[in-house]
N, C-alpha and C. Protein backbone atom coordinates (compact mmCIF):
# COMPACT_ATOMS: atom_id res chain seq x y z
N MET A 1 -11.14 5.60 16.65
CA MET A 1 -10.52 6.53 15.73
C MET A 1 -11.03 6.24 14.32
N THR A 2 -11.56 7.23 13.66
CA THR A 2 -12.22 7.07 12.37
C THR A 2 -11.29 6.53 11.29
N VAL A 3 -10.05 7.02 11.23
CA VAL A 3 -9.12 6.57 10.19
C VAL A 3 -8.87 5.08 10.32
N ILE A 4 -8.63 4.61 11.54
CA ILE A 4 -8.36 3.18 11.76
C ILE A 4 -9.58 2.36 11.37
N LYS A 5 -10.76 2.85 11.70
CA LYS A 5 -11.99 2.14 11.35
C LYS A 5 -12.08 1.96 9.83
N HIS A 6 -11.75 2.99 9.08
CA HIS A 6 -11.82 2.89 7.62
C HIS A 6 -10.75 1.95 7.07
N ILE A 7 -9.59 1.90 7.71
CA ILE A 7 -8.55 0.96 7.30
C ILE A 7 -9.03 -0.47 7.55
N ILE A 8 -9.67 -0.71 8.67
CA ILE A 8 -10.22 -2.03 8.98
C ILE A 8 -11.27 -2.42 7.95
N ILE A 9 -12.19 -1.53 7.65
CA ILE A 9 -13.27 -1.81 6.69
C ILE A 9 -12.69 -2.11 5.32
N ARG A 10 -11.75 -1.28 4.87
CA ARG A 10 -11.16 -1.46 3.53
C ARG A 10 -10.36 -2.76 3.45
N THR A 11 -9.61 -3.08 4.50
CA THR A 11 -8.85 -4.33 4.53
C THR A 11 -9.80 -5.51 4.47
N ASN A 12 -10.91 -5.41 5.18
CA ASN A 12 -11.91 -6.47 5.17
C ASN A 12 -12.51 -6.67 3.79
N GLU A 13 -12.62 -5.60 3.01
CA GLU A 13 -13.16 -5.69 1.66
C GLU A 13 -12.16 -6.32 0.69
N ILE A 14 -10.87 -6.03 0.88
CA ILE A 14 -9.85 -6.45 -0.07
C ILE A 14 -9.32 -7.85 0.23
N VAL A 15 -8.98 -8.11 1.49
CA VAL A 15 -8.39 -9.38 1.89
C VAL A 15 -9.52 -10.38 2.12
N SER A 16 -9.24 -11.65 1.86
CA SER A 16 -10.23 -12.70 2.08
C SER A 16 -10.84 -12.59 3.46
N LYS A 17 -12.15 -12.66 3.52
CA LYS A 17 -12.85 -12.47 4.79
C LYS A 17 -12.56 -13.58 5.80
N ASP A 18 -12.02 -14.70 5.34
CA ASP A 18 -11.70 -15.81 6.24
C ASP A 18 -10.23 -15.82 6.66
N ASP A 19 -9.45 -14.87 6.17
CA ASP A 19 -8.01 -14.87 6.43
C ASP A 19 -7.64 -13.81 7.47
N ALA A 20 -7.97 -14.10 8.73
CA ALA A 20 -7.69 -13.15 9.82
C ALA A 20 -6.19 -12.88 9.97
N PRO A 21 -5.30 -13.89 9.88
CA PRO A 21 -3.87 -13.58 10.02
C PRO A 21 -3.36 -12.59 8.97
N LEU A 22 -3.82 -12.72 7.73
CA LEU A 22 -3.38 -11.78 6.70
C LEU A 22 -3.97 -10.39 6.95
N GLN A 23 -5.24 -10.33 7.33
CA GLN A 23 -5.86 -9.04 7.65
C GLN A 23 -5.09 -8.36 8.78
N MET A 24 -4.72 -9.14 9.78
CA MET A 24 -3.99 -8.60 10.92
C MET A 24 -2.66 -7.99 10.47
N GLN A 25 -1.92 -8.69 9.62
CA GLN A 25 -0.63 -8.19 9.15
C GLN A 25 -0.79 -6.96 8.26
N VAL A 26 -1.81 -6.95 7.40
CA VAL A 26 -2.03 -5.81 6.52
C VAL A 26 -2.38 -4.57 7.34
N ILE A 27 -3.29 -4.71 8.29
CA ILE A 27 -3.68 -3.57 9.13
C ILE A 27 -2.48 -3.06 9.92
N ARG A 28 -1.71 -3.96 10.52
CA ARG A 28 -0.54 -3.56 11.31
C ARG A 28 0.45 -2.80 10.44
N ARG A 29 0.74 -3.32 9.25
CA ARG A 29 1.72 -2.67 8.38
C ARG A 29 1.24 -1.29 7.93
N ILE A 30 -0.02 -1.18 7.59
CA ILE A 30 -0.56 0.12 7.18
C ILE A 30 -0.46 1.12 8.33
N MET A 31 -0.82 0.71 9.53
CA MET A 31 -0.76 1.61 10.68
C MET A 31 0.68 2.05 10.96
N GLU A 32 1.62 1.11 10.87
CA GLU A 32 3.02 1.45 11.12
C GLU A 32 3.56 2.38 10.05
N ASP A 33 3.14 2.18 8.80
CA ASP A 33 3.60 3.05 7.72
C ASP A 33 3.00 4.45 7.84
N ILE A 34 1.73 4.54 8.19
CA ILE A 34 1.07 5.85 8.27
C ILE A 34 1.50 6.62 9.51
N TYR A 35 1.44 5.98 10.67
CA TYR A 35 1.63 6.70 11.93
C TYR A 35 2.98 6.47 12.59
N GLY A 36 3.75 5.50 12.10
CA GLY A 36 5.03 5.19 12.72
C GLY A 36 4.85 4.42 14.00
N GLY A 37 5.95 4.01 14.61
CA GLY A 37 5.89 3.24 15.84
C GLY A 37 5.49 1.80 15.58
N ASN A 38 5.17 1.11 16.65
CA ASN A 38 4.75 -0.29 16.57
C ASN A 38 3.27 -0.39 16.91
N TRP A 39 2.58 -1.27 16.22
CA TRP A 39 1.15 -1.42 16.42
C TRP A 39 0.80 -2.88 16.67
N GLY A 40 -0.23 -3.09 17.46
CA GLY A 40 -0.75 -4.42 17.70
C GLY A 40 -2.15 -4.51 17.13
N VAL A 41 -2.49 -5.69 16.63
CA VAL A 41 -3.82 -5.92 16.08
C VAL A 41 -4.31 -7.24 16.66
N LEU A 42 -5.46 -7.19 17.28
CA LEU A 42 -6.10 -8.37 17.84
C LEU A 42 -7.44 -8.53 17.14
N ILE A 43 -7.63 -9.68 16.48
CA ILE A 43 -8.90 -9.94 15.79
C ILE A 43 -9.55 -11.12 16.48
N ILE A 44 -10.78 -10.92 16.90
CA ILE A 44 -11.53 -11.97 17.58
C ILE A 44 -12.72 -12.34 16.72
N LYS A 45 -12.75 -13.59 16.25
CA LYS A 45 -13.90 -14.08 15.50
C LYS A 45 -14.98 -14.47 16.52
N GLU A 46 -16.20 -14.10 16.25
CA GLU A 46 -17.33 -14.40 17.12
C GLU A 46 -17.03 -14.04 18.58
N PRO A 47 -16.86 -12.76 18.87
CA PRO A 47 -16.48 -12.34 20.24
C PRO A 47 -17.51 -12.72 21.29
N ASP A 48 -18.75 -12.94 20.90
CA ASP A 48 -19.77 -13.31 21.90
C ASP A 48 -19.53 -14.70 22.48
N LEU A 49 -18.73 -15.55 21.81
CA LEU A 49 -18.44 -16.88 22.34
C LEU A 49 -17.37 -16.85 23.44
N ILE A 50 -16.57 -15.78 23.48
CA ILE A 50 -15.48 -15.72 24.44
C ILE A 50 -15.99 -15.33 25.82
N SER A 51 -16.67 -14.22 25.90
CA SER A 51 -17.16 -13.74 27.18
C SER A 51 -18.06 -12.54 26.95
N ILE A 52 -18.85 -12.23 27.90
CA ILE A 52 -19.69 -11.04 27.82
C ILE A 52 -18.86 -9.82 28.17
N VAL A 53 -17.92 -9.98 29.12
CA VAL A 53 -17.09 -8.87 29.57
C VAL A 53 -15.62 -9.28 29.48
N ILE A 54 -14.83 -8.43 28.84
CA ILE A 54 -13.39 -8.67 28.76
C ILE A 54 -12.69 -7.41 29.26
N HIS A 55 -11.72 -7.58 30.14
CA HIS A 55 -10.92 -6.46 30.64
C HIS A 55 -9.50 -6.66 30.16
N TRP A 56 -8.96 -5.64 29.58
CA TRP A 56 -7.56 -5.70 29.16
C TRP A 56 -7.02 -4.29 29.11
N THR A 57 -5.71 -4.17 29.10
CA THR A 57 -5.09 -2.87 29.09
C THR A 57 -3.93 -2.85 28.10
N PHE A 58 -3.54 -1.68 27.71
CA PHE A 58 -2.44 -1.48 26.77
C PHE A 58 -1.88 -0.09 27.03
N PRO A 59 -0.66 0.18 26.55
CA PRO A 59 -0.10 1.52 26.79
C PRO A 59 -0.98 2.61 26.20
N ASP A 60 -1.06 3.74 26.88
CA ASP A 60 -1.90 4.85 26.44
C ASP A 60 -1.11 5.76 25.50
N HIS A 61 -0.95 5.32 24.28
CA HIS A 61 -0.23 6.12 23.30
C HIS A 61 -1.19 7.09 22.62
N ARG A 62 -0.64 8.22 22.21
CA ARG A 62 -1.42 9.23 21.51
C ARG A 62 -0.65 9.67 20.27
N HIS A 63 -1.41 10.14 19.28
CA HIS A 63 -0.79 10.70 18.08
C HIS A 63 -0.33 12.12 18.38
N ARG A 64 0.41 12.69 17.45
CA ARG A 64 0.91 14.06 17.64
C ARG A 64 -0.21 15.06 17.86
N ASP A 65 -1.37 14.78 17.24
CA ASP A 65 -2.49 15.71 17.39
C ASP A 65 -3.28 15.47 18.69
N GLY A 66 -2.84 14.50 19.50
CA GLY A 66 -3.49 14.24 20.78
C GLY A 66 -4.57 13.17 20.72
N SER A 67 -4.93 12.71 19.54
CA SER A 67 -5.97 11.68 19.43
C SER A 67 -5.43 10.32 19.88
N ALA A 68 -6.33 9.49 20.36
CA ALA A 68 -5.94 8.18 20.88
C ALA A 68 -5.46 7.27 19.77
N ALA A 69 -4.41 6.53 20.05
CA ALA A 69 -3.85 5.58 19.08
C ALA A 69 -4.46 4.21 19.36
N PHE A 70 -5.79 4.12 19.24
CA PHE A 70 -6.51 2.90 19.56
C PHE A 70 -7.84 2.89 18.82
N CYS A 71 -8.27 1.71 18.41
CA CYS A 71 -9.60 1.58 17.81
C CYS A 71 -10.15 0.20 18.10
N LEU A 72 -11.39 0.14 18.50
CA LEU A 72 -12.13 -1.11 18.64
C LEU A 72 -13.31 -1.01 17.70
N HIS A 73 -13.39 -1.97 16.77
CA HIS A 73 -14.44 -1.92 15.76
C HIS A 73 -14.89 -3.34 15.45
N VAL A 74 -16.19 -3.52 15.27
CA VAL A 74 -16.73 -4.83 14.88
C VAL A 74 -17.17 -4.74 13.43
N GLU A 75 -16.65 -5.66 12.62
CA GLU A 75 -16.95 -5.70 11.19
C GLU A 75 -17.24 -7.15 10.82
N ASN A 76 -18.42 -7.40 10.25
CA ASN A 76 -18.84 -8.75 9.84
C ASN A 76 -18.72 -9.77 10.97
N GLY A 77 -19.06 -9.38 12.18
CA GLY A 77 -19.04 -10.30 13.31
C GLY A 77 -17.66 -10.53 13.91
N TRP A 78 -16.65 -9.85 13.41
CA TRP A 78 -15.30 -9.95 13.97
C TRP A 78 -14.99 -8.67 14.73
N GLN A 79 -14.37 -8.82 15.88
CA GLN A 79 -13.97 -7.65 16.66
C GLN A 79 -12.50 -7.35 16.38
N TYR A 80 -12.23 -6.11 15.94
CA TYR A 80 -10.88 -5.66 15.63
C TYR A 80 -10.43 -4.70 16.73
N ASN A 81 -9.30 -5.01 17.36
CA ASN A 81 -8.69 -4.15 18.36
C ASN A 81 -7.33 -3.73 17.80
N VAL A 82 -7.19 -2.47 17.47
CA VAL A 82 -5.95 -1.96 16.88
C VAL A 82 -5.40 -0.92 17.85
N PHE A 83 -4.13 -1.09 18.24
CA PHE A 83 -3.57 -0.21 19.25
C PHE A 83 -2.07 -0.04 19.05
N LYS A 84 -1.59 1.14 19.39
CA LYS A 84 -0.17 1.44 19.28
C LYS A 84 0.54 0.91 20.51
N THR A 85 1.67 0.24 20.28
CA THR A 85 2.41 -0.35 21.41
C THR A 85 3.73 0.35 21.69
N GLY A 86 4.20 1.17 20.76
CA GLY A 86 5.47 1.86 20.97
C GLY A 86 5.71 2.92 19.92
N ASP A 87 6.68 3.79 20.19
CA ASP A 87 6.96 4.91 19.29
C ASP A 87 8.17 4.69 18.38
N ILE A 88 8.85 3.57 18.51
CA ILE A 88 10.05 3.32 17.70
C ILE A 88 9.61 2.77 16.34
N ASP A 89 10.06 3.44 15.27
CA ASP A 89 9.71 3.01 13.92
C ASP A 89 10.44 1.73 13.55
N THR A 90 9.81 0.92 12.70
CA THR A 90 10.47 -0.24 12.14
C THR A 90 11.45 0.23 11.07
N GLU A 91 12.47 -0.56 10.80
CA GLU A 91 13.49 -0.17 9.83
C GLU A 91 12.93 -0.04 8.43
N ASP A 92 11.94 -0.86 8.10
CA ASP A 92 11.41 -0.84 6.74
C ASP A 92 10.12 -0.04 6.61
N ARG A 93 9.94 0.94 7.51
CA ARG A 93 8.74 1.77 7.44
C ARG A 93 8.71 2.51 6.10
N LEU A 94 7.57 2.47 5.45
CA LEU A 94 7.39 3.12 4.16
C LEU A 94 6.64 4.42 4.38
N THR A 95 7.36 5.54 4.34
CA THR A 95 6.74 6.84 4.55
C THR A 95 6.40 7.48 3.20
N VAL A 96 5.57 8.49 3.24
CA VAL A 96 5.23 9.22 2.02
C VAL A 96 6.50 9.82 1.41
N GLU A 97 7.39 10.32 2.26
CA GLU A 97 8.64 10.91 1.77
C GLU A 97 9.47 9.88 1.02
N LYS A 98 9.55 8.65 1.56
CA LYS A 98 10.32 7.60 0.89
C LYS A 98 9.70 7.22 -0.45
N VAL A 99 8.37 7.15 -0.49
CA VAL A 99 7.69 6.82 -1.75
C VAL A 99 7.98 7.89 -2.79
N MET A 100 7.87 9.16 -2.41
CA MET A 100 8.14 10.25 -3.35
C MET A 100 9.59 10.22 -3.82
N GLU A 101 10.50 9.91 -2.92
CA GLU A 101 11.91 9.81 -3.28
C GLU A 101 12.13 8.70 -4.30
N GLN A 102 11.47 7.54 -4.09
CA GLN A 102 11.59 6.43 -5.03
C GLN A 102 11.01 6.79 -6.40
N ILE A 103 9.88 7.48 -6.41
CA ILE A 103 9.26 7.88 -7.68
C ILE A 103 10.16 8.85 -8.41
N ASN A 104 10.70 9.83 -7.70
CA ASN A 104 11.59 10.81 -8.33
C ASN A 104 12.86 10.14 -8.85
N ARG A 105 13.42 9.23 -8.08
CA ARG A 105 14.61 8.51 -8.50
C ARG A 105 14.32 7.69 -9.76
N ARG A 106 13.17 7.05 -9.80
CA ARG A 106 12.78 6.23 -10.96
C ARG A 106 12.58 7.11 -12.19
N ASN A 107 11.98 8.27 -12.02
CA ASN A 107 11.75 9.18 -13.14
C ASN A 107 13.06 9.69 -13.73
N PHE A 108 14.07 9.92 -12.87
CA PHE A 108 15.35 10.42 -13.37
C PHE A 108 16.17 9.30 -14.00
N SER A 109 16.03 8.07 -13.50
CA SER A 109 16.85 6.98 -14.02
C SER A 109 16.26 6.32 -15.25
N HIS A 110 14.96 6.46 -15.47
CA HIS A 110 14.30 5.88 -16.63
C HIS A 110 13.79 6.99 -17.53
N PRO A 111 14.10 6.90 -18.82
CA PRO A 111 13.61 7.95 -19.72
C PRO A 111 12.09 7.91 -19.83
N SER A 112 11.51 9.04 -20.15
CA SER A 112 10.06 9.11 -20.29
C SER A 112 9.64 8.34 -21.53
N SER A 113 8.36 8.09 -21.69
CA SER A 113 7.86 7.35 -22.84
C SER A 113 8.14 8.11 -24.14
N THR A 114 8.13 9.43 -24.10
CA THR A 114 8.43 10.23 -25.29
C THR A 114 9.89 10.02 -25.69
N GLN A 115 10.78 10.02 -24.69
CA GLN A 115 12.19 9.79 -24.98
C GLN A 115 12.40 8.38 -25.51
N LYS A 116 11.71 7.40 -24.93
CA LYS A 116 11.84 6.01 -25.39
C LYS A 116 11.37 5.88 -26.83
N THR A 117 10.26 6.51 -27.16
CA THR A 117 9.73 6.45 -28.52
C THR A 117 10.73 7.05 -29.50
N ALA A 118 11.32 8.17 -29.15
CA ALA A 118 12.31 8.81 -30.02
C ALA A 118 13.52 7.91 -30.20
N GLN A 119 13.96 7.23 -29.12
CA GLN A 119 15.10 6.33 -29.22
C GLN A 119 14.78 5.15 -30.14
N ILE A 120 13.58 4.60 -30.03
CA ILE A 120 13.18 3.46 -30.87
C ILE A 120 13.11 3.89 -32.33
N ARG A 121 12.52 5.07 -32.58
CA ARG A 121 12.45 5.56 -33.96
C ARG A 121 13.84 5.76 -34.55
N ALA A 122 14.76 6.28 -33.75
CA ALA A 122 16.13 6.49 -34.22
C ALA A 122 16.78 5.15 -34.56
N LYS A 123 16.59 4.15 -33.70
CA LYS A 123 17.16 2.83 -33.96
C LYS A 123 16.57 2.22 -35.22
N LEU A 124 15.24 2.33 -35.36
CA LEU A 124 14.58 1.78 -36.56
C LEU A 124 15.06 2.49 -37.81
N GLY A 125 15.23 3.79 -37.73
CA GLY A 125 15.72 4.55 -38.88
C GLY A 125 17.09 4.09 -39.29
N ASN A 126 17.96 3.83 -38.32
CA ASN A 126 19.30 3.33 -38.62
C ASN A 126 19.25 1.94 -39.21
N MET A 127 18.35 1.09 -38.72
CA MET A 127 18.21 -0.27 -39.25
C MET A 127 17.73 -0.22 -40.69
N LEU A 128 16.78 0.64 -40.98
CA LEU A 128 16.24 0.73 -42.32
C LEU A 128 17.30 1.22 -43.30
N LYS A 129 18.13 2.13 -42.87
CA LYS A 129 19.19 2.63 -43.75
C LYS A 129 20.22 1.55 -44.03
N LYS A 130 20.49 0.71 -43.04
CA LYS A 130 21.49 -0.34 -43.20
C LYS A 130 20.97 -1.50 -44.02
N ASP A 131 19.66 -1.76 -43.96
CA ASP A 131 19.08 -2.90 -44.64
C ASP A 131 18.17 -2.39 -45.76
N SER A 132 18.62 -2.52 -47.00
CA SER A 132 17.88 -1.96 -48.12
C SER A 132 16.62 -2.75 -48.44
N ARG A 133 16.43 -3.92 -47.86
CA ARG A 133 15.23 -4.71 -48.14
C ARG A 133 13.97 -3.95 -47.73
N PHE A 134 14.09 -3.09 -46.74
CA PHE A 134 12.91 -2.39 -46.23
C PHE A 134 12.66 -1.06 -46.94
N THR A 135 13.58 -0.64 -47.78
CA THR A 135 13.40 0.66 -48.43
C THR A 135 12.48 0.58 -49.63
N ASN A 136 12.35 -0.58 -50.26
CA ASN A 136 11.47 -0.74 -51.41
C ASN A 136 10.15 -1.33 -50.95
N SER A 137 9.32 -0.53 -50.34
CA SER A 137 8.03 -1.01 -49.84
C SER A 137 6.91 -0.41 -50.67
N LEU A 138 5.79 -1.05 -50.64
CA LEU A 138 4.62 -0.62 -51.39
C LEU A 138 3.73 0.21 -50.48
N LEU A 139 3.35 1.38 -50.92
CA LEU A 139 2.49 2.27 -50.15
C LEU A 139 1.10 2.21 -50.75
N ILE A 140 0.14 1.80 -49.97
CA ILE A 140 -1.25 1.72 -50.44
C ILE A 140 -2.03 2.77 -49.70
N GLN A 141 -2.73 3.62 -50.47
CA GLN A 141 -3.54 4.66 -49.86
C GLN A 141 -5.00 4.35 -50.10
N ARG A 142 -5.83 4.63 -49.13
CA ARG A 142 -7.27 4.45 -49.27
C ARG A 142 -7.89 5.74 -49.74
N ASN A 143 -8.81 5.63 -50.64
CA ASN A 143 -9.53 6.81 -51.12
C ASN A 143 -10.81 7.00 -50.36
């Protein structure tokens, strides 16, 4: 599956190339957040040392569009096997809808930068009126 292959490649670029456990967790979390369900990730360093032929099986899960929920890809000499193991979402799945909801909630609860600037100017104006030391300032203009 092309999308999974690109996730593997990008994770390999970002995460330390020697940190297979972290790469495995990052790939799994991204797959669960994007597609839902549970995912398994098997990373084999130097697969040619294990065997010439490996037989294994996993549940035949498919995405809503009918494409296979599986990818086998070799990147920098490591074999990545990414596969869906179930359809039940994790409780902390981060969906696009949840992200948009968080952004909207944050925008409503925090004033915009324009509003913040106006509030700061108002506070400074009140401070200057209360403290006459700042009212007698020297204005220097450049010609």
